[in-house]
């Protein structure tokens, strides 16, 4: 598993994760990688987007966001169509499948290389698609859309 952060300012860290991620492990990732990224790229603040997996919504994680004054976007259930990082993962996975790496270390290393080749233009196109995506989800009564 990999954890990554991105914004209209570009790609942030991409971190391999061993094992399951509970709230404490997730908070550790946020402390070590997200906080420095936000301080470096958006010192005036940002709205953080994440899905509703249990480690993301745990009380301890919510307390971490509050303690660090991180504004978190409310997230509807079952809505991967609204998460632009899913588009980035799909793009990276397609390339990795084409290359057919045999070793996990090679896959992780290549994923990191591909991560940092994702350009601002691609990310900004995805960000610009958000109003359309939101409108489609609303019209579909909150159910998944084909995006």
N, C-alpha and C. Protein backbone atom coordinates (compact mmCIF):
# COMPACT_ATOMS: atom_id res chain seq x y z
N UNK A 1 0.85 -1.17 0.00
CA UNK A 1 0.00 0.00 0.00
C UNK A 1 0.90 1.23 0.00
N UNK A 2 0.41 2.27 -0.65
CA UNK A 2 1.11 3.54 -0.71
C UNK A 2 0.19 4.64 -0.23
N UNK A 3 0.76 5.63 0.44
CA UNK A 3 0.02 6.83 0.83
C UNK A 3 0.68 7.99 0.12
N UNK A 4 -0.13 8.86 -0.46
CA UNK A 4 0.41 10.02 -1.14
C UNK A 4 -0.48 11.23 -0.94
N UNK A 5 0.11 12.39 -1.18
CA UNK A 5 -0.63 13.64 -1.10
C UNK A 5 -0.28 14.47 -2.32
N UNK A 6 -1.28 15.16 -2.84
CA UNK A 6 -1.07 16.03 -3.99
C UNK A 6 -1.97 17.24 -3.86
N UNK A 7 -1.64 18.25 -4.63
CA UNK A 7 -2.45 19.46 -4.64
C UNK A 7 -2.24 20.16 -5.96
N UNK A 8 -2.88 21.30 -6.11
CA UNK A 8 -2.68 22.08 -7.33
C UNK A 8 -1.25 22.60 -7.42
N UNK A 9 -0.51 22.50 -6.32
CA UNK A 9 0.89 22.90 -6.31
C UNK A 9 1.82 21.79 -6.77
N UNK A 10 1.28 20.59 -6.90
CA UNK A 10 2.09 19.47 -7.38
C UNK A 10 2.03 18.28 -6.45
N UNK A 11 2.89 17.33 -6.78
CA UNK A 11 2.91 16.07 -6.06
C UNK A 11 3.70 16.22 -4.77
N UNK A 12 3.12 15.69 -3.70
CA UNK A 12 3.81 15.64 -2.43
C UNK A 12 4.44 14.28 -2.25
N UNK A 13 4.76 13.93 -1.02
CA UNK A 13 5.42 12.66 -0.77
C UNK A 13 4.53 11.47 -1.12
N UNK A 14 5.18 10.40 -1.54
CA UNK A 14 4.54 9.10 -1.75
C UNK A 14 5.28 8.12 -0.85
N UNK A 15 4.54 7.47 0.04
CA UNK A 15 5.14 6.70 1.11
C UNK A 15 4.62 5.26 1.09
N UNK A 16 5.54 4.28 1.03
CA UNK A 16 5.09 2.89 1.16
C UNK A 16 4.68 2.62 2.61
N UNK A 17 3.64 1.81 2.78
CA UNK A 17 3.12 1.50 4.10
C UNK A 17 3.11 -0.01 4.26
N UNK A 18 3.66 -0.47 5.36
CA UNK A 18 3.65 -1.90 5.66
C UNK A 18 2.50 -2.23 6.58
N UNK A 19 1.75 -3.25 6.23
CA UNK A 19 0.69 -3.73 7.10
C UNK A 19 -0.54 -2.86 7.11
N UNK A 20 -1.39 -3.15 8.10
CA UNK A 20 -2.65 -2.42 8.23
C UNK A 20 -2.39 -1.03 8.80
N UNK A 21 -3.28 -0.13 8.45
CA UNK A 21 -3.17 1.25 8.95
C UNK A 21 -4.33 1.52 9.88
N UNK A 22 -4.01 1.58 11.17
CA UNK A 22 -5.02 1.99 12.14
C UNK A 22 -4.89 3.50 12.35
N UNK A 23 -5.69 4.04 13.23
CA UNK A 23 -5.69 5.49 13.43
C UNK A 23 -4.32 6.00 13.87
N UNK A 24 -3.67 5.30 14.79
CA UNK A 24 -2.36 5.77 15.27
C UNK A 24 -1.32 5.76 14.15
N UNK A 25 -1.33 4.72 13.33
CA UNK A 25 -0.39 4.66 12.21
C UNK A 25 -0.69 5.78 11.22
N UNK A 26 -1.97 6.02 10.97
CA UNK A 26 -2.35 7.08 10.04
C UNK A 26 -1.92 8.44 10.56
N UNK A 27 -2.13 8.69 11.83
CA UNK A 27 -1.71 9.95 12.43
C UNK A 27 -0.20 10.11 12.29
N UNK A 28 0.54 9.04 12.48
CA UNK A 28 1.98 9.09 12.30
C UNK A 28 2.37 9.50 10.89
N UNK A 29 1.66 8.98 9.89
CA UNK A 29 1.91 9.35 8.49
C UNK A 29 1.60 10.83 8.29
N UNK A 30 0.48 11.26 8.83
CA UNK A 30 0.09 12.66 8.68
C UNK A 30 1.11 13.60 9.34
N UNK A 31 1.57 13.21 10.52
CA UNK A 31 2.57 14.03 11.21
C UNK A 31 3.88 14.11 10.43
N UNK A 32 4.31 12.97 9.94
CA UNK A 32 5.62 12.90 9.29
C UNK A 32 5.62 13.46 7.87
N UNK A 33 4.50 13.30 7.15
CA UNK A 33 4.49 13.66 5.73
C UNK A 33 3.52 14.78 5.36
N UNK A 34 2.30 14.73 5.88
CA UNK A 34 1.32 15.74 5.50
C UNK A 34 1.66 17.11 6.08
N UNK A 35 1.94 17.18 7.37
CA UNK A 35 2.19 18.48 7.99
C UNK A 35 3.35 19.22 7.32
N UNK A 36 4.49 18.58 7.06
CA UNK A 36 5.56 19.30 6.36
C UNK A 36 5.16 19.73 4.95
N UNK A 37 4.41 18.89 4.25
CA UNK A 37 3.96 19.25 2.89
C UNK A 37 3.07 20.48 2.94
N UNK A 38 2.13 20.50 3.87
CA UNK A 38 1.25 21.66 3.98
C UNK A 38 2.02 22.91 4.37
N UNK A 39 2.95 22.77 5.29
CA UNK A 39 3.75 23.93 5.73
C UNK A 39 4.58 24.48 4.57
N UNK A 40 5.11 23.60 3.75
CA UNK A 40 5.96 24.02 2.62
C UNK A 40 5.17 24.59 1.45
N UNK A 41 4.01 24.01 1.17
CA UNK A 41 3.29 24.39 -0.05
C UNK A 41 2.10 25.30 0.19
N UNK A 42 1.47 25.19 1.35
CA UNK A 42 0.26 25.97 1.61
C UNK A 42 0.24 26.48 3.04
N UNK A 43 1.19 27.33 3.39
CA UNK A 43 1.27 27.79 4.79
C UNK A 43 0.04 28.57 5.25
N UNK A 44 -0.74 29.10 4.30
CA UNK A 44 -1.95 29.84 4.68
C UNK A 44 -3.16 28.94 4.86
N UNK A 45 -2.97 27.64 4.68
CA UNK A 45 -4.06 26.70 4.90
C UNK A 45 -4.55 26.05 3.63
N UNK A 46 -5.28 24.98 3.82
CA UNK A 46 -5.82 24.19 2.72
C UNK A 46 -7.03 23.43 3.23
N UNK A 47 -7.75 22.84 2.31
CA UNK A 47 -8.83 21.93 2.67
C UNK A 47 -8.35 20.53 2.31
N UNK A 48 -8.24 19.68 3.32
CA UNK A 48 -7.73 18.33 3.13
C UNK A 48 -8.87 17.40 2.76
N UNK A 49 -8.62 16.58 1.77
CA UNK A 49 -9.64 15.65 1.28
C UNK A 49 -9.15 14.23 1.51
N UNK A 50 -10.02 13.41 2.05
CA UNK A 50 -9.72 11.99 2.24
C UNK A 50 -11.04 11.24 2.26
N UNK A 51 -10.97 9.92 2.09
CA UNK A 51 -12.21 9.14 2.10
C UNK A 51 -12.59 8.80 3.54
N UNK A 52 -13.57 7.94 3.69
CA UNK A 52 -14.12 7.65 5.01
C UNK A 52 -13.65 6.32 5.59
N UNK A 53 -12.46 5.87 5.22
CA UNK A 53 -12.01 4.60 5.81
C UNK A 53 -11.86 4.80 7.33
N UNK A 54 -11.99 3.74 8.10
CA UNK A 54 -12.03 3.87 9.56
C UNK A 54 -10.84 4.63 10.17
N UNK A 55 -9.64 4.42 9.67
CA UNK A 55 -8.49 5.14 10.26
C UNK A 55 -8.56 6.63 9.97
N UNK A 56 -9.26 7.02 8.90
CA UNK A 56 -9.40 8.43 8.55
C UNK A 56 -10.46 9.13 9.40
N UNK A 57 -11.43 8.37 9.87
CA UNK A 57 -12.56 8.98 10.59
C UNK A 57 -12.55 8.70 12.08
N UNK A 58 -11.52 8.04 12.56
CA UNK A 58 -11.43 7.71 13.99
C UNK A 58 -11.38 8.98 14.84
N UNK A 59 -11.84 8.87 16.07
CA UNK A 59 -11.83 10.02 16.98
C UNK A 59 -10.44 10.62 17.12
N UNK A 60 -9.43 9.75 17.23
CA UNK A 60 -8.06 10.24 17.40
C UNK A 60 -7.60 11.02 16.17
N UNK A 61 -8.00 10.56 14.99
CA UNK A 61 -7.64 11.25 13.76
C UNK A 61 -8.34 12.60 13.67
N UNK A 62 -9.61 12.63 14.04
CA UNK A 62 -10.35 13.90 14.03
C UNK A 62 -9.74 14.88 15.03
N UNK A 63 -9.31 14.35 16.17
CA UNK A 63 -8.65 15.22 17.16
C UNK A 63 -7.33 15.76 16.60
N UNK A 64 -6.60 14.93 15.87
CA UNK A 64 -5.35 15.38 15.24
C UNK A 64 -5.62 16.54 14.28
N UNK A 65 -6.65 16.40 13.45
CA UNK A 65 -6.99 17.48 12.52
C UNK A 65 -7.34 18.76 13.28
N UNK A 66 -8.11 18.63 14.31
CA UNK A 66 -8.50 19.81 15.11
C UNK A 66 -7.27 20.44 15.77
N UNK A 67 -6.43 19.63 16.37
CA UNK A 67 -5.24 20.14 17.07
C UNK A 67 -4.28 20.84 16.11
N UNK A 68 -4.26 20.42 14.85
CA UNK A 68 -3.34 20.99 13.88
C UNK A 68 -4.02 21.98 12.93
N UNK A 69 -5.25 22.36 13.27
CA UNK A 69 -6.02 23.35 12.49
C UNK A 69 -6.05 22.99 11.00
N UNK A 70 -6.29 21.70 10.71
CA UNK A 70 -6.41 21.25 9.33
C UNK A 70 -7.90 21.20 8.99
N UNK A 71 -8.29 21.99 8.02
CA UNK A 71 -9.66 22.03 7.56
C UNK A 71 -9.89 20.80 6.68
N UNK A 72 -10.80 19.94 7.08
CA UNK A 72 -11.06 18.69 6.38
C UNK A 72 -12.40 18.77 5.64
N UNK A 73 -12.38 18.36 4.40
CA UNK A 73 -13.60 18.35 3.59
C UNK A 73 -14.54 17.24 4.07
N UNK A 74 -15.82 17.56 4.22
CA UNK A 74 -16.81 16.52 4.50
C UNK A 74 -16.85 15.59 3.30
N UNK A 75 -16.97 14.30 3.56
CA UNK A 75 -16.85 13.33 2.48
C UNK A 75 -18.06 12.42 2.45
N UNK A 76 -18.77 12.37 1.31
CA UNK A 76 -19.93 11.47 1.22
C UNK A 76 -19.48 10.01 1.15
N UNK A 77 -20.32 9.11 1.64
CA UNK A 77 -20.02 7.68 1.57
C UNK A 77 -20.00 7.21 0.12
N UNK A 78 -19.23 6.18 -0.13
CA UNK A 78 -19.20 5.52 -1.44
C UNK A 78 -18.98 6.51 -2.59
N UNK A 79 -17.93 7.30 -2.50
CA UNK A 79 -17.74 8.34 -3.51
C UNK A 79 -16.32 8.42 -4.06
N UNK A 80 -15.76 7.32 -4.53
CA UNK A 80 -14.43 7.39 -5.10
C UNK A 80 -14.36 8.28 -6.34
N UNK A 81 -15.51 8.52 -6.96
CA UNK A 81 -15.54 9.36 -8.16
C UNK A 81 -15.16 10.80 -7.86
N UNK A 82 -15.24 11.20 -6.60
CA UNK A 82 -14.91 12.57 -6.22
C UNK A 82 -13.47 12.71 -5.76
N UNK A 83 -12.74 11.62 -5.72
CA UNK A 83 -11.38 11.65 -5.21
C UNK A 83 -10.40 11.60 -6.38
N UNK A 84 -9.81 12.74 -6.70
CA UNK A 84 -8.95 12.79 -7.89
C UNK A 84 -7.72 11.92 -7.77
N UNK A 85 -7.32 11.59 -6.53
CA UNK A 85 -6.14 10.74 -6.40
C UNK A 85 -6.41 9.35 -6.97
N UNK A 86 -7.68 8.95 -7.03
CA UNK A 86 -8.01 7.66 -7.64
C UNK A 86 -7.65 7.67 -9.13
N UNK A 87 -7.82 8.81 -9.79
CA UNK A 87 -7.41 8.92 -11.20
C UNK A 87 -5.90 8.79 -11.33
N UNK A 88 -5.18 9.39 -10.39
CA UNK A 88 -3.72 9.31 -10.41
C UNK A 88 -3.27 7.87 -10.18
N UNK A 89 -3.87 7.20 -9.17
CA UNK A 89 -3.52 5.79 -8.92
C UNK A 89 -3.79 4.95 -10.17
N UNK A 90 -4.92 5.18 -10.81
CA UNK A 90 -5.25 4.39 -12.00
C UNK A 90 -4.22 4.60 -13.11
N UNK A 91 -3.80 5.82 -13.29
CA UNK A 91 -2.79 6.13 -14.32
C UNK A 91 -1.48 5.41 -14.01
N UNK A 92 -1.07 5.44 -12.77
CA UNK A 92 0.17 4.78 -12.36
C UNK A 92 0.04 3.26 -12.51
N UNK A 93 -1.08 2.72 -12.07
CA UNK A 93 -1.29 1.26 -12.15
C UNK A 93 -1.28 0.78 -13.60
N UNK A 94 -1.89 1.53 -14.50
CA UNK A 94 -1.87 1.12 -15.92
C UNK A 94 -0.44 1.00 -16.43
N UNK A 95 0.39 1.96 -16.07
CA UNK A 95 1.79 1.91 -16.51
C UNK A 95 2.52 0.74 -15.85
N UNK A 96 2.30 0.52 -14.58
CA UNK A 96 2.96 -0.59 -13.88
C UNK A 96 2.56 -1.94 -14.47
N UNK A 97 1.27 -2.09 -14.82
CA UNK A 97 0.82 -3.35 -15.42
C UNK A 97 1.49 -3.57 -16.78
N UNK A 98 1.64 -2.51 -17.54
CA UNK A 98 2.31 -2.64 -18.85
C UNK A 98 3.76 -3.09 -18.69
N UNK A 99 4.39 -2.62 -17.64
CA UNK A 99 5.81 -2.92 -17.44
C UNK A 99 6.05 -4.29 -16.81
N UNK A 100 5.06 -4.85 -16.16
CA UNK A 100 5.11 -6.19 -15.59
C UNK A 100 6.33 -6.45 -14.71
N UNK A 101 6.49 -5.68 -13.66
CA UNK A 101 7.58 -5.87 -12.71
C UNK A 101 7.34 -7.15 -11.92
N UNK A 102 8.42 -7.81 -11.53
CA UNK A 102 8.33 -9.07 -10.81
C UNK A 102 8.48 -8.90 -9.29
N UNK A 103 9.25 -7.93 -8.86
CA UNK A 103 9.55 -7.76 -7.44
C UNK A 103 8.79 -6.56 -6.87
N UNK A 104 8.30 -6.74 -5.65
CA UNK A 104 7.56 -5.67 -4.99
C UNK A 104 8.40 -4.41 -4.85
N UNK A 105 9.66 -4.55 -4.50
CA UNK A 105 10.53 -3.38 -4.38
C UNK A 105 10.62 -2.60 -5.69
N UNK A 106 10.65 -3.34 -6.81
CA UNK A 106 10.70 -2.68 -8.12
C UNK A 106 9.40 -1.93 -8.41
N UNK A 107 8.28 -2.52 -8.02
CA UNK A 107 6.98 -1.87 -8.22
C UNK A 107 6.91 -0.58 -7.42
N UNK A 108 7.33 -0.64 -6.16
CA UNK A 108 7.28 0.54 -5.30
C UNK A 108 8.20 1.63 -5.85
N UNK A 109 9.40 1.25 -6.23
CA UNK A 109 10.34 2.24 -6.76
C UNK A 109 9.81 2.88 -8.04
N UNK A 110 9.26 2.07 -8.91
CA UNK A 110 8.73 2.60 -10.18
C UNK A 110 7.49 3.46 -9.92
N UNK A 111 6.65 3.06 -8.97
CA UNK A 111 5.47 3.87 -8.63
C UNK A 111 5.91 5.24 -8.15
N UNK A 112 6.96 5.31 -7.35
CA UNK A 112 7.49 6.60 -6.88
C UNK A 112 7.98 7.44 -8.06
N UNK A 113 8.67 6.79 -8.99
CA UNK A 113 9.15 7.52 -10.17
C UNK A 113 7.99 8.07 -10.98
N UNK A 114 6.97 7.23 -11.21
CA UNK A 114 5.80 7.66 -11.98
C UNK A 114 5.04 8.76 -11.26
N UNK A 115 4.93 8.65 -9.93
CA UNK A 115 4.23 9.64 -9.12
C UNK A 115 4.75 11.05 -9.41
N UNK A 116 6.06 11.17 -9.45
CA UNK A 116 6.65 12.48 -9.61
C UNK A 116 6.73 12.94 -11.07
N UNK A 117 6.23 12.11 -11.99
CA UNK A 117 6.11 12.57 -13.38
C UNK A 117 4.73 13.12 -13.68
N UNK A 118 3.81 12.98 -12.72
CA UNK A 118 2.46 13.52 -12.90
C UNK A 118 2.58 15.05 -12.91
N UNK A 119 2.14 15.66 -13.97
CA UNK A 119 2.32 17.10 -14.11
C UNK A 119 1.21 17.93 -13.51
N UNK A 120 1.53 19.20 -13.29
CA UNK A 120 0.54 20.16 -12.79
C UNK A 120 -0.69 20.22 -13.69
N UNK A 121 -0.46 20.15 -15.00
CA UNK A 121 -1.58 20.26 -15.94
C UNK A 121 -2.59 19.15 -15.73
N UNK A 122 -2.10 17.92 -15.53
CA UNK A 122 -2.99 16.78 -15.31
C UNK A 122 -3.78 16.97 -14.01
N UNK A 123 -3.07 17.33 -12.94
CA UNK A 123 -3.73 17.53 -11.64
C UNK A 123 -4.75 18.65 -11.73
N UNK A 124 -4.38 19.75 -12.37
CA UNK A 124 -5.32 20.87 -12.47
C UNK A 124 -6.53 20.53 -13.33
N UNK A 125 -6.36 19.71 -14.36
CA UNK A 125 -7.53 19.25 -15.14
C UNK A 125 -8.46 18.43 -14.25
N UNK A 126 -7.87 17.58 -13.43
CA UNK A 126 -8.70 16.80 -12.50
C UNK A 126 -9.42 17.70 -11.52
N UNK A 127 -8.70 18.67 -10.97
CA UNK A 127 -9.33 19.61 -10.04
C UNK A 127 -10.45 20.41 -10.71
N UNK A 128 -10.22 20.82 -11.93
CA UNK A 128 -11.25 21.57 -12.66
C UNK A 128 -12.48 20.72 -12.95
N UNK A 129 -12.33 19.40 -12.94
CA UNK A 129 -13.47 18.51 -13.19
C UNK A 129 -14.36 18.34 -11.96
N UNK A 130 -13.92 18.80 -10.81
CA UNK A 130 -14.67 18.58 -9.57
C UNK A 130 -16.08 19.16 -9.59
N UNK A 131 -16.31 20.37 -10.08
CA UNK A 131 -17.71 20.84 -10.11
C UNK A 131 -18.62 19.92 -10.94
N UNK A 132 -18.11 19.44 -12.06
CA UNK A 132 -18.91 18.51 -12.89
C UNK A 132 -19.16 17.21 -12.14
N UNK A 133 -18.14 16.70 -11.49
CA UNK A 133 -18.29 15.45 -10.74
C UNK A 133 -19.32 15.62 -9.63
N UNK A 134 -19.21 16.71 -8.88
CA UNK A 134 -20.16 16.96 -7.78
C UNK A 134 -21.58 17.06 -8.32
N UNK A 135 -21.74 17.78 -9.40
CA UNK A 135 -23.07 17.91 -10.01
C UNK A 135 -23.62 16.55 -10.42
N UNK A 136 -22.78 15.71 -10.99
CA UNK A 136 -23.22 14.38 -11.41
C UNK A 136 -23.62 13.52 -10.21
N UNK A 137 -22.85 13.59 -9.12
CA UNK A 137 -23.18 12.82 -7.92
C UNK A 137 -24.50 13.31 -7.34
N UNK A 138 -24.71 14.61 -7.31
CA UNK A 138 -25.97 15.16 -6.81
C UNK A 138 -27.14 14.67 -7.66
N UNK A 139 -26.98 14.74 -8.98
CA UNK A 139 -28.04 14.27 -9.87
C UNK A 139 -28.29 12.77 -9.72
N UNK A 140 -27.25 12.05 -9.28
CA UNK A 140 -27.38 10.61 -9.10
C UNK A 140 -27.72 10.26 -7.65
N UNK A 141 -28.23 11.24 -6.90
CA UNK A 141 -28.68 11.06 -5.52
C UNK A 141 -27.59 10.47 -4.63
N UNK A 142 -26.34 10.86 -4.87
CA UNK A 142 -25.24 10.43 -4.02
C UNK A 142 -24.62 9.10 -4.39
N UNK A 143 -25.20 8.45 -5.37
CA UNK A 143 -24.66 7.15 -5.77
C UNK A 143 -23.46 7.35 -6.70
N UNK A 144 -22.60 6.32 -6.80
CA UNK A 144 -21.41 6.43 -7.65
C UNK A 144 -21.76 6.82 -9.09
N UNK A 145 -20.83 7.52 -9.69
CA UNK A 145 -20.97 7.92 -11.08
C UNK A 145 -19.84 7.29 -11.89
N UNK A 146 -19.95 7.35 -13.16
CA UNK A 146 -18.92 6.79 -14.03
C UNK A 146 -17.95 7.88 -14.42
N UNK A 147 -16.95 8.12 -13.58
CA UNK A 147 -15.98 9.16 -13.87
C UNK A 147 -14.60 8.60 -13.78
